[in-house]
PDB file of N, CA and C in Angstrom:
ATOM      1  N   MET A   1     -18.241 -17.479 -17.854  1.00  0.00           N
ATOM      2  CA  MET A   1     -17.178 -16.557 -17.524  1.00  0.00           C
ATOM      3  C   MET A   1     -16.949 -16.612 -16.026  1.00  0.00           C
ATOM      4  N   LEU A   2     -15.711 -16.623 -15.651  1.00  0.00           N
ATOM      5  CA  LEU A   2     -15.325 -16.678 -14.248  1.00  0.00           C
ATOM      6  C   LEU A   2     -14.342 -15.554 -13.953  1.00  0.00           C
ATOM      7  N   PRO A   3     -14.254 -15.133 -12.711  1.00  0.00           N
ATOM      8  CA  PRO A   3     -13.238 -14.142 -12.355  1.00  0.00           C
ATOM      9  C   PRO A   3     -11.844 -14.733 -12.542  1.00  0.00           C
ATOM     10  N   ILE A   4     -10.885 -13.863 -12.851  1.00  0.00           N
ATOM     11  CA  ILE A   4      -9.522 -14.329 -13.071  1.00  0.00           C
ATOM     12  C   ILE A   4      -8.937 -14.988 -11.821  1.00  0.00           C
ATOM     13  N   SER A   5      -9.464 -14.639 -10.645  1.00  0.00           N
ATOM     14  CA  SER A   5      -8.969 -15.250  -9.411  1.00  0.00           C
ATOM     15  C   SER A   5      -9.204 -16.759  -9.396  1.00  0.00           C
ATOM     16  N   MET A   6     -10.176 -17.232 -10.175  1.00  0.00           N
ATOM     17  CA  MET A   6     -10.441 -18.673 -10.229  1.00  0.00           C
ATOM     18  C   MET A   6      -9.255 -19.428 -10.825  1.00  0.00           C
ATOM     19  N   LEU A   7      -8.451 -18.757 -11.647  1.00  0.00           N
ATOM     20  CA  LEU A   7      -7.287 -19.419 -12.224  1.00  0.00           C
ATOM     21  C   LEU A   7      -6.219 -19.693 -11.177  1.00  0.00           C
ATOM     22  N   THR A   8      -6.118 -18.807 -10.197  1.00  0.00           N
ATOM     23  CA  THR A   8      -5.094 -19.005  -9.179  1.00  0.00           C
ATOM     24  C   THR A   8      -5.631 -19.770  -7.972  1.00  0.00           C
ATOM     25  N   GLU A   9      -6.800 -19.385  -7.492  1.00  0.00           N
ATOM     26  CA  GLU A   9      -7.359 -20.035  -6.311  1.00  0.00           C
ATOM     27  C   GLU A   9      -8.031 -21.356  -6.644  1.00  0.00           C
ATOM     28  N   GLY A  10      -8.434 -21.538  -7.885  1.00  0.00           N
ATOM     29  CA  GLY A  10      -9.089 -22.771  -8.305  1.00  0.00           C
ATOM     30  C   GLY A  10      -8.145 -23.669  -9.079  1.00  0.00           C
ATOM     31  N   ALA A  11      -6.847 -23.618  -8.728  1.00  0.00           N
ATOM     32  CA  ALA A  11      -5.840 -24.367  -9.478  1.00  0.00           C
ATOM     33  C   ALA A  11      -6.128 -25.866  -9.506  1.00  0.00           C
ATOM     34  N   HIS A  12      -6.793 -26.384  -8.511  1.00  0.00           N
ATOM     35  CA  HIS A  12      -7.073 -27.816  -8.465  1.00  0.00           C
ATOM     36  C   HIS A  12      -8.136 -28.227  -9.483  1.00  0.00           C
ATOM     37  N   TRP A  13      -8.740 -27.245 -10.185  1.00  0.00           N
ATOM     38  CA  TRP A  13      -9.742 -27.550 -11.199  1.00  0.00           C
ATOM     39  C   TRP A  13      -9.141 -27.636 -12.595  1.00  0.00           C
ATOM     40  N   SER A  14      -7.849 -27.397 -12.736  1.00  0.00           N
ATOM     41  CA  SER A  14      -7.161 -27.428 -14.033  1.00  0.00           C
ATOM     42  C   SER A  14      -7.811 -26.484 -15.043  1.00  0.00           C
ATOM     43  N   LEU A  15      -8.019 -25.254 -14.649  1.00  0.00           N
ATOM     44  CA  LEU A  15      -8.616 -24.264 -15.536  1.00  0.00           C
ATOM     45  C   LEU A  15      -7.532 -23.568 -16.349  1.00  0.00           C
ATOM     46  N   ARG A  16      -7.868 -23.210 -17.578  1.00  0.00           N
ATOM     47  CA  ARG A  16      -6.958 -22.429 -18.416  1.00  0.00           C
ATOM     48  C   ARG A  16      -7.702 -21.201 -18.921  1.00  0.00           C
ATOM     49  N   MET A  17      -6.947 -20.122 -19.146  1.00  0.00           N
ATOM     50  CA  MET A  17      -7.551 -18.882 -19.594  1.00  0.00           C
ATOM     51  C   MET A  17      -7.643 -18.855 -21.116  1.00  0.00           C
ATOM     52  N   LEU A  18      -8.790 -18.448 -21.605  1.00  0.00           N
ATOM     53  CA  LEU A  18      -9.014 -18.236 -23.017  1.00  0.00           C
ATOM     54  C   LEU A  18      -9.481 -16.793 -23.160  1.00  0.00           C
ATOM     55  N   ARG A  19      -8.630 -15.959 -23.757  1.00  0.00           N
ATOM     56  CA  ARG A  19      -8.972 -14.542 -23.903  1.00  0.00           C
ATOM     57  C   ARG A  19      -9.974 -14.376 -25.037  1.00  0.00           C
ATOM     58  N   VAL A  20     -11.081 -13.726 -24.718  1.00  0.00           N
ATOM     59  CA  VAL A  20     -12.132 -13.469 -25.690  1.00  0.00           C
ATOM     60  C   VAL A  20     -12.561 -12.014 -25.545  1.00  0.00           C
ATOM     61  N   ASP A  21     -12.561 -11.294 -26.657  1.00  0.00           N
ATOM     62  CA  ASP A  21     -13.039  -9.911 -26.624  1.00  0.00           C
ATOM     63  C   ASP A  21     -14.554  -9.915 -26.678  1.00  0.00           C
ATOM     64  N   ILE A  22     -15.170  -9.382 -25.635  1.00  0.00           N
ATOM     65  CA  ILE A  22     -16.627  -9.305 -25.601  1.00  0.00           C
ATOM     66  C   ILE A  22     -17.018  -7.856 -25.349  1.00  0.00           C
ATOM     67  N   PRO A  23     -18.148  -7.431 -25.862  1.00  0.00           N
ATOM     68  CA  PRO A  23     -18.573  -6.050 -25.621  1.00  0.00           C
ATOM     69  C   PRO A  23     -18.984  -5.866 -24.164  1.00  0.00           C
ATOM     70  N   HIS A  24     -18.806  -4.648 -23.688  1.00  0.00           N
ATOM     71  CA  HIS A  24     -19.233  -4.336 -22.322  1.00  0.00           C
ATOM     72  C   HIS A  24     -20.752  -4.212 -22.308  1.00  0.00           C
ATOM     73  N   VAL A  25     -21.382  -5.032 -21.535  1.00  0.00           N
ATOM     74  CA  VAL A  25     -22.836  -4.998 -21.400  1.00  0.00           C
ATOM     75  C   VAL A  25     -23.155  -4.801 -19.924  1.00  0.00           C
ATOM     76  N   PRO A  26     -23.851  -3.712 -19.587  1.00  0.00           N
ATOM     77  CA  PRO A  26     -24.200  -3.507 -18.179  1.00  0.00           C
ATOM     78  C   PRO A  26     -25.060  -4.664 -17.662  1.00  0.00           C
ATOM     79  N   ARG A  27     -24.720  -5.158 -16.498  1.00  0.00           N
ATOM     80  CA  ARG A  27     -25.468  -6.250 -15.890  1.00  0.00           C
ATOM     81  C   ARG A  27     -25.962  -5.818 -14.517  1.00  0.00           C
ATOM     82  N   PRO A  28     -27.135  -6.282 -14.147  1.00  0.00           N
ATOM     83  CA  PRO A  28     -27.615  -5.954 -12.802  1.00  0.00           C
ATOM     84  C   PRO A  28     -26.695  -6.561 -11.743  1.00  0.00           C
ATOM     85  N   THR A  29     -26.468  -5.816 -10.707  1.00  0.00           N
ATOM     86  CA  THR A  29     -25.620  -6.275  -9.613  1.00  0.00           C
ATOM     87  C   THR A  29     -26.385  -6.074  -8.320  1.00  0.00           C
ATOM     88  N   GLY A  30     -26.284  -7.022  -7.431  1.00  0.00           N
ATOM     89  CA  GLY A  30     -27.008  -6.915  -6.177  1.00  0.00           C
ATOM     90  C   GLY A  30     -26.109  -7.131  -4.982  1.00  0.00           C
ATOM     91  N   LEU A  31     -26.614  -6.770  -3.848  1.00  0.00           N
ATOM     92  CA  LEU A  31     -25.919  -6.949  -2.581  1.00  0.00           C
ATOM     93  C   LEU A  31     -26.838  -7.743  -1.676  1.00  0.00           C
ATOM     94  N   VAL A  32     -26.368  -8.878  -1.193  1.00  0.00           N
ATOM     95  CA  VAL A  32     -27.189  -9.762  -0.376  1.00  0.00           C
ATOM     96  C   VAL A  32     -26.595  -9.827   1.026  1.00  0.00           C
ATOM     97  N   THR A  33     -27.457  -9.697   2.026  1.00  0.00           N
ATOM     98  CA  THR A  33     -27.006  -9.845   3.415  1.00  0.00           C
ATOM     99  C   THR A  33     -27.875 -10.889   4.107  1.00  0.00           C
ATOM    100  N   VAL A  34     -27.360 -11.431   5.171  1.00  0.00           N
ATOM    101  CA  VAL A  34     -28.085 -12.409   5.971  1.00  0.00           C
ATOM    102  C   VAL A  34     -29.005 -11.649   6.930  1.00  0.00           C
ATOM    103  N   THR A  35     -30.175 -12.188   7.204  1.00  0.00           N
ATOM    104  CA  THR A  35     -31.127 -11.541   8.099  1.00  0.00           C
ATOM    105  C   THR A  35     -30.576 -11.478   9.524  1.00  0.00           C
ATOM    106  N   ASN A  36     -30.699 -10.318  10.133  1.00  0.00           N
ATOM    107  CA  ASN A  36     -30.326 -10.052  11.528  1.00  0.00           C
ATOM    108  C   ASN A  36     -28.851 -10.245  11.897  1.00  0.00           C
ATOM    109  N   PRO A  37     -27.918 -10.012  10.987  1.00  0.00           N
ATOM    110  CA  PRO A  37     -26.530 -10.088  11.440  1.00  0.00           C
ATOM    111  C   PRO A  37     -26.104  -8.732  12.016  1.00  0.00           C
ATOM    112  N   THR A  38     -25.070  -8.726  12.796  1.00  0.00           N
ATOM    113  CA  THR A  38     -24.478  -7.480  13.239  1.00  0.00           C
ATOM    114  C   THR A  38     -23.340  -7.182  12.282  1.00  0.00           C
ATOM    115  N   LEU A  39     -23.490  -6.119  11.501  1.00  0.00           N
ATOM    116  CA  LEU A  39     -22.459  -5.765  10.530  1.00  0.00           C
ATOM    117  C   LEU A  39     -21.353  -4.984  11.212  1.00  0.00           C
ATOM    118  N   GLY A  40     -20.132  -5.244  10.779  1.00  0.00           N
ATOM    119  CA  GLY A  40     -19.012  -4.469  11.266  1.00  0.00           C
ATOM    120  C   GLY A  40     -19.065  -3.075  10.665  1.00  0.00           C
ATOM    121  N   PRO A  41     -18.313  -2.139  11.231  1.00  0.00           N
ATOM    122  CA  PRO A  41     -18.348  -0.761  10.736  1.00  0.00           C
ATOM    123  C   PRO A  41     -17.930  -0.643   9.265  1.00  0.00           C
ATOM    124  N   LEU A  42     -16.948  -1.415   8.847  1.00  0.00           N
ATOM    125  CA  LEU A  42     -16.489  -1.352   7.465  1.00  0.00           C
ATOM    126  C   LEU A  42     -17.560  -1.884   6.509  1.00  0.00           C
ATOM    127  N   ALA A  43     -18.197  -3.004   6.857  1.00  0.00           N
ATOM    128  CA  ALA A  43     -19.265  -3.564   6.029  1.00  0.00           C
ATOM    129  C   ALA A  43     -20.437  -2.594   5.946  1.00  0.00           C
ATOM    130  N   HIS A  44     -20.796  -1.987   7.066  1.00  0.00           N
ATOM    131  CA  HIS A  44     -21.894  -1.017   7.086  1.00  0.00           C
ATOM    132  C   HIS A  44     -21.569   0.172   6.193  1.00  0.00           C
ATOM    133  N   GLU A  45     -20.352   0.674   6.272  1.00  0.00           N
ATOM    134  CA  GLU A  45     -19.936   1.814   5.442  1.00  0.00           C
ATOM    135  C   GLU A  45     -19.942   1.442   3.966  1.00  0.00           C
ATOM    136  N   PHE A  46     -19.482   0.235   3.634  1.00  0.00           N
ATOM    137  CA  PHE A  46     -19.477  -0.221   2.248  1.00  0.00           C
ATOM    138  C   PHE A  46     -20.896  -0.270   1.694  1.00  0.00           C
ATOM    139  N   ILE A  47     -21.817  -0.859   2.449  1.00  0.00           N
ATOM    140  CA  ILE A  47     -23.204  -0.981   1.993  1.00  0.00           C
ATOM    141  C   ILE A  47     -23.843   0.392   1.835  1.00  0.00           C
ATOM    142  N   THR A  48     -23.616   1.274   2.779  1.00  0.00           N
ATOM    143  CA  THR A  48     -24.161   2.625   2.701  1.00  0.00           C
ATOM    144  C   THR A  48     -23.638   3.358   1.472  1.00  0.00           C
ATOM    145  N   THR A  49     -22.341   3.250   1.229  1.00  0.00           N
ATOM    146  CA  THR A  49     -21.726   3.904   0.067  1.00  0.00           C
ATOM    147  C   THR A  49     -22.226   3.295  -1.235  1.00  0.00           C
ATOM    148  N   ALA A  50     -22.335   1.962  -1.289  1.00  0.00           N
ATOM    149  CA  ALA A  50     -22.820   1.288  -2.494  1.00  0.00           C
ATOM    150  C   ALA A  50     -24.259   1.696  -2.804  1.00  0.00           C
ATOM    151  N   ARG A  51     -25.092   1.787  -1.785  1.00  0.00           N
ATOM    152  CA  ARG A  51     -26.483   2.201  -2.001  1.00  0.00           C
ATOM    153  C   ARG A  51     -26.562   3.633  -2.505  1.00  0.00           C
ATOM    154  N   ALA A  52     -25.761   4.531  -1.937  1.00  0.00           N
ATOM    155  CA  ALA A  52     -25.759   5.931  -2.376  1.00  0.00           C
ATOM    156  C   ALA A  52     -25.276   6.031  -3.821  1.00  0.00           C
ATOM    157  N   PHE A  53     -24.257   5.258  -4.167  1.00  0.00           N
ATOM    158  CA  PHE A  53     -23.737   5.265  -5.528  1.00  0.00           C
ATOM    159  C   PHE A  53     -24.789   4.747  -6.504  1.00  0.00           C
ATOM    160  N   ALA A  54     -25.444   3.645  -6.152  1.00  0.00           N
ATOM    161  CA  ALA A  54     -26.480   3.072  -7.013  1.00  0.00           C
ATOM    162  C   ALA A  54     -27.639   4.054  -7.184  1.00  0.00           C
ATOM    163  N   LYS A  55     -27.984   4.744  -6.125  1.00  0.00           N
ATOM    164  CA  LYS A  55     -29.066   5.717  -6.187  1.00  0.00           C
ATOM    165  C   LYS A  55     -28.701   6.862  -7.122  1.00  0.00           C
ATOM    166  N   SER A  56     -27.432   7.290  -7.089  1.00  0.00           N
ATOM    167  CA  SER A  56     -26.999   8.384  -7.969  1.00  0.00           C
ATOM    168  C   SER A  56     -27.023   7.931  -9.422  1.00  0.00           C
ATOM    169  N   LEU A  57     -26.741   6.664  -9.698  1.00  0.00           N
ATOM    170  CA  LEU A  57     -26.810   6.144 -11.060  1.00  0.00           C
ATOM    171  C   LEU A  57     -28.242   6.118 -11.552  1.00  0.00           C
ATOM    172  N   GLY A  58     -29.174   5.833 -10.672  1.00  0.00           N
ATOM    173  CA  GLY A  58     -30.583   5.756 -11.033  1.00  0.00           C
ATOM    174  C   GLY A  58     -31.168   7.098 -11.431  1.00  0.00           C
ATOM    175  N   LYS A  59     -30.521   8.185 -11.032  1.00  0.00           N
ATOM    176  CA  LYS A  59     -31.017   9.514 -11.374  1.00  0.00           C
ATOM    177  C   LYS A  59     -30.665   9.904 -12.790  1.00  0.00           C
ATOM    178  N   GLY A  60     -29.708   9.182 -13.419  1.00  0.00           N
ATOM    179  CA  GLY A  60     -29.308   9.476 -14.787  1.00  0.00           C
ATOM    180  C   GLY A  60     -30.288   8.897 -15.786  1.00  0.00           C
ATOM    181  N   ALA A  61     -29.967   9.056 -17.050  1.00  0.00           N
ATOM    182  CA  ALA A  61     -30.837   8.535 -18.113  1.00  0.00           C
ATOM    183  C   ALA A  61     -30.805   7.016 -18.121  1.00  0.00           C
ATOM    184  N   ARG A  62     -31.952   6.418 -18.331  1.00  0.00           N
ATOM    185  CA  ARG A  62     -32.072   4.952 -18.407  1.00  0.00           C
ATOM    186  C   ARG A  62     -31.820   4.499 -19.830  1.00  0.00           C
ATOM    187  N   HIS A  63     -31.064   3.418 -19.955  1.00  0.00           N
ATOM    188  CA  HIS A  63     -30.813   2.801 -21.269  1.00  0.00           C
ATOM    189  C   HIS A  63     -31.459   1.444 -21.269  1.00  0.00           C
ATOM    190  N   GLY A  64     -31.964   1.013 -22.408  1.00  0.00           N
ATOM    191  CA  GLY A  64     -32.476  -0.334 -22.488  1.00  0.00           C
ATOM    192  C   GLY A  64     -33.812  -0.346 -22.983  1.00  0.00           C
TER     193      GLY A  64
END
């Protein structure tokens, strides 16, 4: 599975869309940063907000 943007930005790969109904399955998602970079204010705010959101999800009931 690829993001739909691959159809437009990856046009040189001759990709075609095949619509398939699949069930929603929660998948782990991570955030990776390079060691010792200077983050811009927007990137710093995004990471801070994402961490707070993930932490709030962790307080709910666990499934699996």
